[in-house]
């Protein structure tokens, strides 16, 4: 999967207790970046009730309007603003339903997965993050169907998130740019990828490594960088040797980074 421009690894959030004296009234801001556990629970229930009342047609269950873990995550993403969390959450739930996320299976993406353009690595990195690898040289936008590319992308994000260890919240993305040429350029897909992470999997992408970026890739990056906003800060340009030394042990290296 490489790069065609169109318009989703988890940051840790703490839920500290807010100390207060018994003789004073504790104040709480809906725009706070962190709230105590009691207040966060109240906000989850508030969002849940509003969704049931105003968006009763949305599905329930895992990743549905009554999924309290999902509600809490979107509240954290929106700094505990109830209205903003509801807006982003309803959009995400509708997208999951329309895209058919729950229907994606190994078999349904098999033909595109067999190109080897992208995969979830069998091992975690040294920071205990699941790893999603994209091999840019194997992505051919003039040959591969764009919708199939997107389905494979979402399936692999879901698969990577399912491998998160207890207490971990982020995944690592590796874009292997060795052998990248103009025939692999796909700005539409790259933007789709970051849009998915921003809108539907917020705060799940911990870091993205752009490995051995050739000169031809630089103008593409300058075009897409402003569109990524704060996600651009997650990108690190590095060498294959950096990947080997800083992110994996010898026995856990992705196959395309073995000597």
Protein backbone atom coordinates (compact mmCIF):
# COMPACT_ATOMS: atom_id res chain seq x y z
CA UNK A 1 0.00 0.00 0.00
CA UNK A 2 1.63 3.26 -0.75
CA UNK A 3 0.53 6.58 -1.14
CA UNK A 4 -3.09 8.49 -3.70
CA UNK A 5 -4.51 11.76 -1.72
CA UNK A 6 -8.24 11.81 -0.88
CA UNK A 7 -10.42 12.77 1.68
CA UNK A 8 -7.65 4.12 11.49
CA UNK A 9 -2.43 2.88 17.88
CA UNK A 10 -3.68 4.82 21.60
CA UNK A 11 -2.08 7.37 23.81
CA UNK A 12 -2.13 6.46 27.47
CA UNK A 13 -4.60 8.50 29.44
CA UNK A 14 -4.57 8.73 33.19
CA UNK A 15 -7.63 9.23 35.30
CA UNK A 16 -6.20 10.85 38.39
CA UNK A 17 -8.23 11.69 41.46
CA UNK A 18 -8.79 15.40 41.83
CA UNK A 19 -8.04 16.30 45.44
CA UNK A 20 -10.39 18.64 47.21
CA UNK A 21 -11.01 19.76 50.72
CA UNK A 22 -14.26 18.78 52.36
CA UNK A 23 -14.98 22.42 53.12
CA UNK A 24 -14.85 23.50 49.49
CA UNK A 25 -16.77 22.69 46.35
CA UNK A 26 -14.88 20.75 43.69
CA UNK A 27 -15.18 22.20 40.22
CA UNK A 28 -15.07 20.17 37.07
CA UNK A 29 -14.59 21.31 33.49
CA UNK A 30 -16.02 19.40 30.55
CA UNK A 31 -12.98 20.55 28.58
CA UNK A 32 -10.52 19.01 31.02
CA UNK A 33 -7.99 16.62 29.50
CA UNK A 34 -8.32 14.33 32.49
CA UNK A 35 -11.04 13.81 35.07
CA UNK A 36 -11.42 11.52 38.02
CA UNK A 37 -12.95 8.09 37.67
CA UNK A 38 -16.26 9.08 39.24
CA UNK A 39 -16.79 12.03 36.90
CA UNK A 40 -15.69 10.06 33.84
CA UNK A 41 -18.26 7.39 34.70
CA UNK A 42 -20.97 10.06 34.92
CA UNK A 43 -19.99 11.41 31.51
CA UNK A 44 -20.01 7.94 29.96
CA UNK A 45 -23.58 7.42 31.22
CA UNK A 46 -24.59 10.86 29.99
CA UNK A 47 -23.29 10.12 26.49
CA UNK A 48 -24.90 6.68 26.57
CA UNK A 49 -28.29 8.15 27.50
CA UNK A 50 -28.09 10.87 24.85
CA UNK A 51 -27.19 8.33 22.19
CA UNK A 52 -30.11 6.13 23.21
CA UNK A 53 -32.47 9.09 23.06
CA UNK A 54 -31.23 10.92 19.97
CA UNK A 55 -29.55 8.13 17.98
CA UNK A 56 -31.59 5.07 18.91
CA UNK A 57 -31.25 3.72 15.38
CA UNK A 58 -27.51 3.13 15.84
CA UNK A 59 -26.45 -0.47 16.52
CA UNK A 60 -25.70 -1.65 20.05
CA UNK A 61 -23.15 -4.11 21.39
CA UNK A 62 -19.41 -4.12 20.76
CA UNK A 63 -18.43 -0.83 19.05
CA UNK A 64 -22.06 0.28 19.23
CA UNK A 65 -23.80 3.20 20.93
CA UNK A 66 -23.90 1.41 24.31
CA UNK A 67 -20.26 0.25 24.28
CA UNK A 68 -19.01 2.05 27.39
CA UNK A 69 -15.32 1.42 26.68
CA UNK A 70 -15.71 2.97 23.25
CA UNK A 71 -17.68 5.91 24.69
CA UNK A 72 -14.96 6.54 27.27
CA UNK A 73 -12.26 6.43 24.59
CA UNK A 74 -14.00 9.05 22.45
CA UNK A 75 -14.61 11.21 25.52
CA UNK A 76 -10.90 11.11 26.23
CA UNK A 77 -10.13 11.96 22.61
CA UNK A 78 -12.47 14.97 22.79
CA UNK A 79 -11.11 16.09 26.17
CA UNK A 80 -14.33 15.05 27.87
CA UNK A 81 -16.57 17.34 25.87
CA UNK A 82 -19.86 15.43 25.76
CA UNK A 83 -21.21 17.08 22.61
CA UNK A 84 -17.97 16.70 20.68
CA UNK A 85 -17.61 13.09 21.77
CA UNK A 86 -21.18 12.32 20.66
CA UNK A 87 -20.60 13.97 17.29
CA UNK A 88 -17.41 12.04 16.60
CA UNK A 89 -18.72 8.80 18.07
CA UNK A 90 -21.93 8.75 16.02
CA UNK A 91 -19.88 9.38 12.89
CA UNK A 92 -17.57 6.49 13.75
CA UNK A 93 -20.40 4.06 14.54
CA UNK A 94 -22.22 4.93 11.30
CA UNK A 95 -19.01 4.50 9.33
CA UNK A 96 -18.34 1.09 10.87
CA UNK A 97 -21.86 0.02 9.93
CA UNK A 98 -21.69 1.37 6.36
CA UNK A 99 -18.15 0.12 5.74
CA UNK A 100 -19.03 -3.32 7.08
CA UNK A 101 -16.13 -3.47 9.53
CA UNK A 102 -17.62 -6.37 11.49
CA UNK A 103 -17.95 -8.38 8.28
CA UNK A 104 -14.27 -8.17 7.33
CA UNK A 105 -12.48 -11.52 7.56
CA UNK A 106 -9.21 -13.12 6.47
CA UNK A 107 -11.06 -14.65 3.52
CA UNK A 108 -12.70 -11.38 2.47
CA UNK A 109 -9.32 -9.62 2.09
CA UNK A 110 -7.30 -12.67 1.08
CA UNK A 111 -6.60 -11.73 -2.54
CA UNK A 112 -5.24 -8.29 -1.62
CA UNK A 113 -3.34 -9.59 1.42
CA UNK A 114 -1.56 -12.11 -0.78
CA UNK A 115 0.20 -9.26 -2.60
CA UNK A 116 2.29 -8.85 0.55
CA UNK A 117 1.78 -5.09 0.46
CA UNK A 118 0.68 -4.93 4.08
CA UNK A 119 0.47 -7.18 7.11
CA UNK A 120 0.33 -7.25 10.89
CA UNK A 121 3.63 -8.49 12.23
CA UNK A 122 3.59 -11.62 14.39
CA UNK A 123 5.59 -9.94 17.18
CA UNK A 124 5.26 -6.73 19.18
CA UNK A 125 7.97 -4.07 19.06
CA UNK A 126 10.20 -3.39 22.07
CA UNK A 127 7.55 -1.02 23.45
CA UNK A 128 4.94 -3.81 23.38
CA UNK A 129 3.03 -2.29 20.47
CA UNK A 130 1.39 -4.33 17.70
CA UNK A 131 3.04 -3.53 14.37
CA UNK A 132 1.32 -2.77 11.06
CA UNK A 133 3.78 -2.96 8.14
CA UNK A 134 3.20 -1.46 4.69
CA UNK A 135 5.57 -2.38 1.85
CA UNK A 136 5.20 0.55 -0.54
CA UNK A 137 6.92 -1.05 -3.53
CA UNK A 138 4.21 -3.73 -3.67
CA UNK A 139 1.36 -1.24 -3.90
CA UNK A 140 0.27 -0.57 -7.47
CA UNK A 141 -2.71 1.83 -7.54
CA UNK A 142 -3.11 1.47 -11.31
CA UNK A 143 -3.58 -2.30 -10.86
CA UNK A 144 -5.13 -2.81 -7.43
CA UNK A 145 -8.73 -1.88 -6.66
CA UNK A 146 -8.94 1.13 -4.32
CA UNK A 147 -11.92 -0.23 -2.37
CA UNK A 148 -10.13 -3.54 -1.81
CA UNK A 149 -7.07 -1.66 -0.57
CA UNK A 150 -9.22 0.20 1.94
CA UNK A 151 -10.88 -2.98 3.18
CA UNK A 152 -7.51 -4.63 3.72
CA UNK A 153 -6.31 -1.53 5.55
CA UNK A 154 -9.24 -1.48 7.98
CA UNK A 155 -9.08 -5.24 8.52
CA UNK A 156 -5.40 -4.97 9.46
CA UNK A 157 -6.02 -2.04 11.82
CA UNK A 158 -8.67 -4.10 13.58
CA UNK A 159 -6.31 -7.07 13.71
CA UNK A 160 -3.48 -4.97 15.13
CA UNK A 161 -5.73 -3.51 17.81
CA UNK A 162 -6.89 -6.99 18.78
CA UNK A 163 -3.25 -7.81 19.61
CA UNK A 164 -2.85 -4.98 22.12
CA UNK A 165 -1.48 -6.31 25.42
CA UNK A 166 -3.29 -5.46 28.63
CA UNK A 167 -2.69 -1.82 29.52
CA UNK A 168 -1.26 -0.88 26.11
CA UNK A 169 -3.06 1.54 23.83
CA UNK A 170 -0.98 2.27 20.73
CA UNK A 171 0.13 0.52 17.58
CA UNK A 172 3.24 1.18 15.50
CA UNK A 173 3.01 1.76 11.76
CA UNK A 174 5.98 1.04 9.50
CA UNK A 175 5.99 2.31 5.92
CA UNK A 176 8.83 0.51 4.16
CA UNK A 177 9.78 2.85 1.31
CA UNK A 178 12.68 0.84 -0.07
CA UNK A 179 12.17 0.43 -3.80
CA UNK A 180 9.42 3.06 -3.87
CA UNK A 181 8.81 4.63 -7.29
CA UNK A 182 6.31 6.95 -8.91
CA UNK A 183 4.19 3.93 -9.92
CA UNK A 184 3.61 3.28 -6.20
CA UNK A 185 2.54 6.83 -5.36
CA UNK A 186 -1.01 6.88 -3.99
CA UNK A 187 -1.79 10.05 -2.06
CA UNK A 188 -5.48 9.18 -1.97
CA UNK A 189 -4.81 6.01 -0.02
CA UNK A 190 -2.30 7.62 2.35
CA UNK A 191 -4.84 10.31 3.21
CA UNK A 192 -7.56 7.69 3.64
CA UNK A 193 -5.31 5.87 6.09
CA UNK A 194 -4.70 8.92 8.27
CA UNK A 195 -8.36 10.00 8.03
CA UNK A 196 -9.41 6.58 9.30
CA UNK A 197 -7.09 6.85 12.27
CA UNK A 198 -8.20 10.39 13.08
CA UNK A 199 -11.95 9.92 12.71
CA UNK A 200 -12.55 6.29 13.64
CA UNK A 201 -9.51 5.09 15.61
CA UNK A 202 -8.41 8.24 17.46
CA UNK A 203 -5.26 8.06 19.57
CA UNK A 204 -4.53 4.49 18.50
CA UNK A 205 -1.58 5.27 16.25
CA UNK A 206 1.48 5.80 18.41
CA UNK A 207 4.16 6.36 15.76
CA UNK A 208 4.77 5.92 12.04
CA UNK A 209 8.20 5.08 10.66
CA UNK A 210 9.00 6.13 7.09
CA UNK A 211 11.89 3.82 6.30
CA UNK A 212 14.56 4.64 3.71
CA UNK A 213 12.46 7.31 1.97
CA UNK A 214 13.90 7.93 -1.52
CA UNK A 215 14.27 11.40 -3.02
CA UNK A 216 11.15 10.90 -5.16
CA UNK A 217 9.03 10.49 -2.03
CA UNK A 218 9.94 13.85 -0.51
CA UNK A 219 7.69 16.03 -2.74
CA UNK A 220 4.79 13.70 -1.97
CA UNK A 221 5.41 14.12 1.75
CA UNK A 222 5.47 17.91 1.41
CA UNK A 223 2.04 17.74 -0.25
CA UNK A 224 0.43 15.48 2.29
CA UNK A 225 2.07 16.76 5.48
CA UNK A 226 -0.17 19.85 5.94
CA UNK A 227 -3.28 17.70 5.57
CA UNK A 228 -2.23 15.39 8.39
CA UNK A 229 -2.18 18.19 10.98
CA UNK A 230 -0.94 16.84 14.34
CA UNK A 231 -0.52 13.34 12.90
CA UNK A 232 2.50 14.62 11.01
CA UNK A 233 4.33 14.80 14.34
CA UNK A 234 3.98 11.03 14.70
CA UNK A 235 6.10 10.43 11.59
CA UNK A 236 9.76 9.59 11.91
CA UNK A 237 12.01 9.23 8.87
CA UNK A 238 14.61 6.60 9.61
CA UNK A 239 16.83 3.88 8.19
CA UNK A 240 16.21 0.16 8.14
CA UNK A 241 19.11 -0.16 10.58
CA UNK A 242 17.27 2.11 13.02
CA UNK A 243 14.25 -0.17 12.82
CA UNK A 244 16.42 -3.17 13.58
CA UNK A 245 18.31 -1.61 16.48
CA UNK A 246 15.71 0.58 18.17
CA UNK A 247 12.36 -1.13 17.67
CA UNK A 248 12.93 -4.89 17.66
CA UNK A 249 15.07 -7.67 19.00
CA UNK A 250 16.86 -9.89 16.54
CA UNK A 251 14.32 -12.68 16.99
CA UNK A 252 11.29 -10.38 16.58
CA UNK A 253 12.28 -8.47 13.43
CA UNK A 254 9.66 -8.25 10.65
CA UNK A 255 10.70 -10.55 7.77
CA UNK A 256 11.35 -7.69 5.35
CA UNK A 257 13.95 -6.22 7.74
CA UNK A 258 16.01 -9.36 8.19
CA UNK A 259 19.43 -9.35 6.53
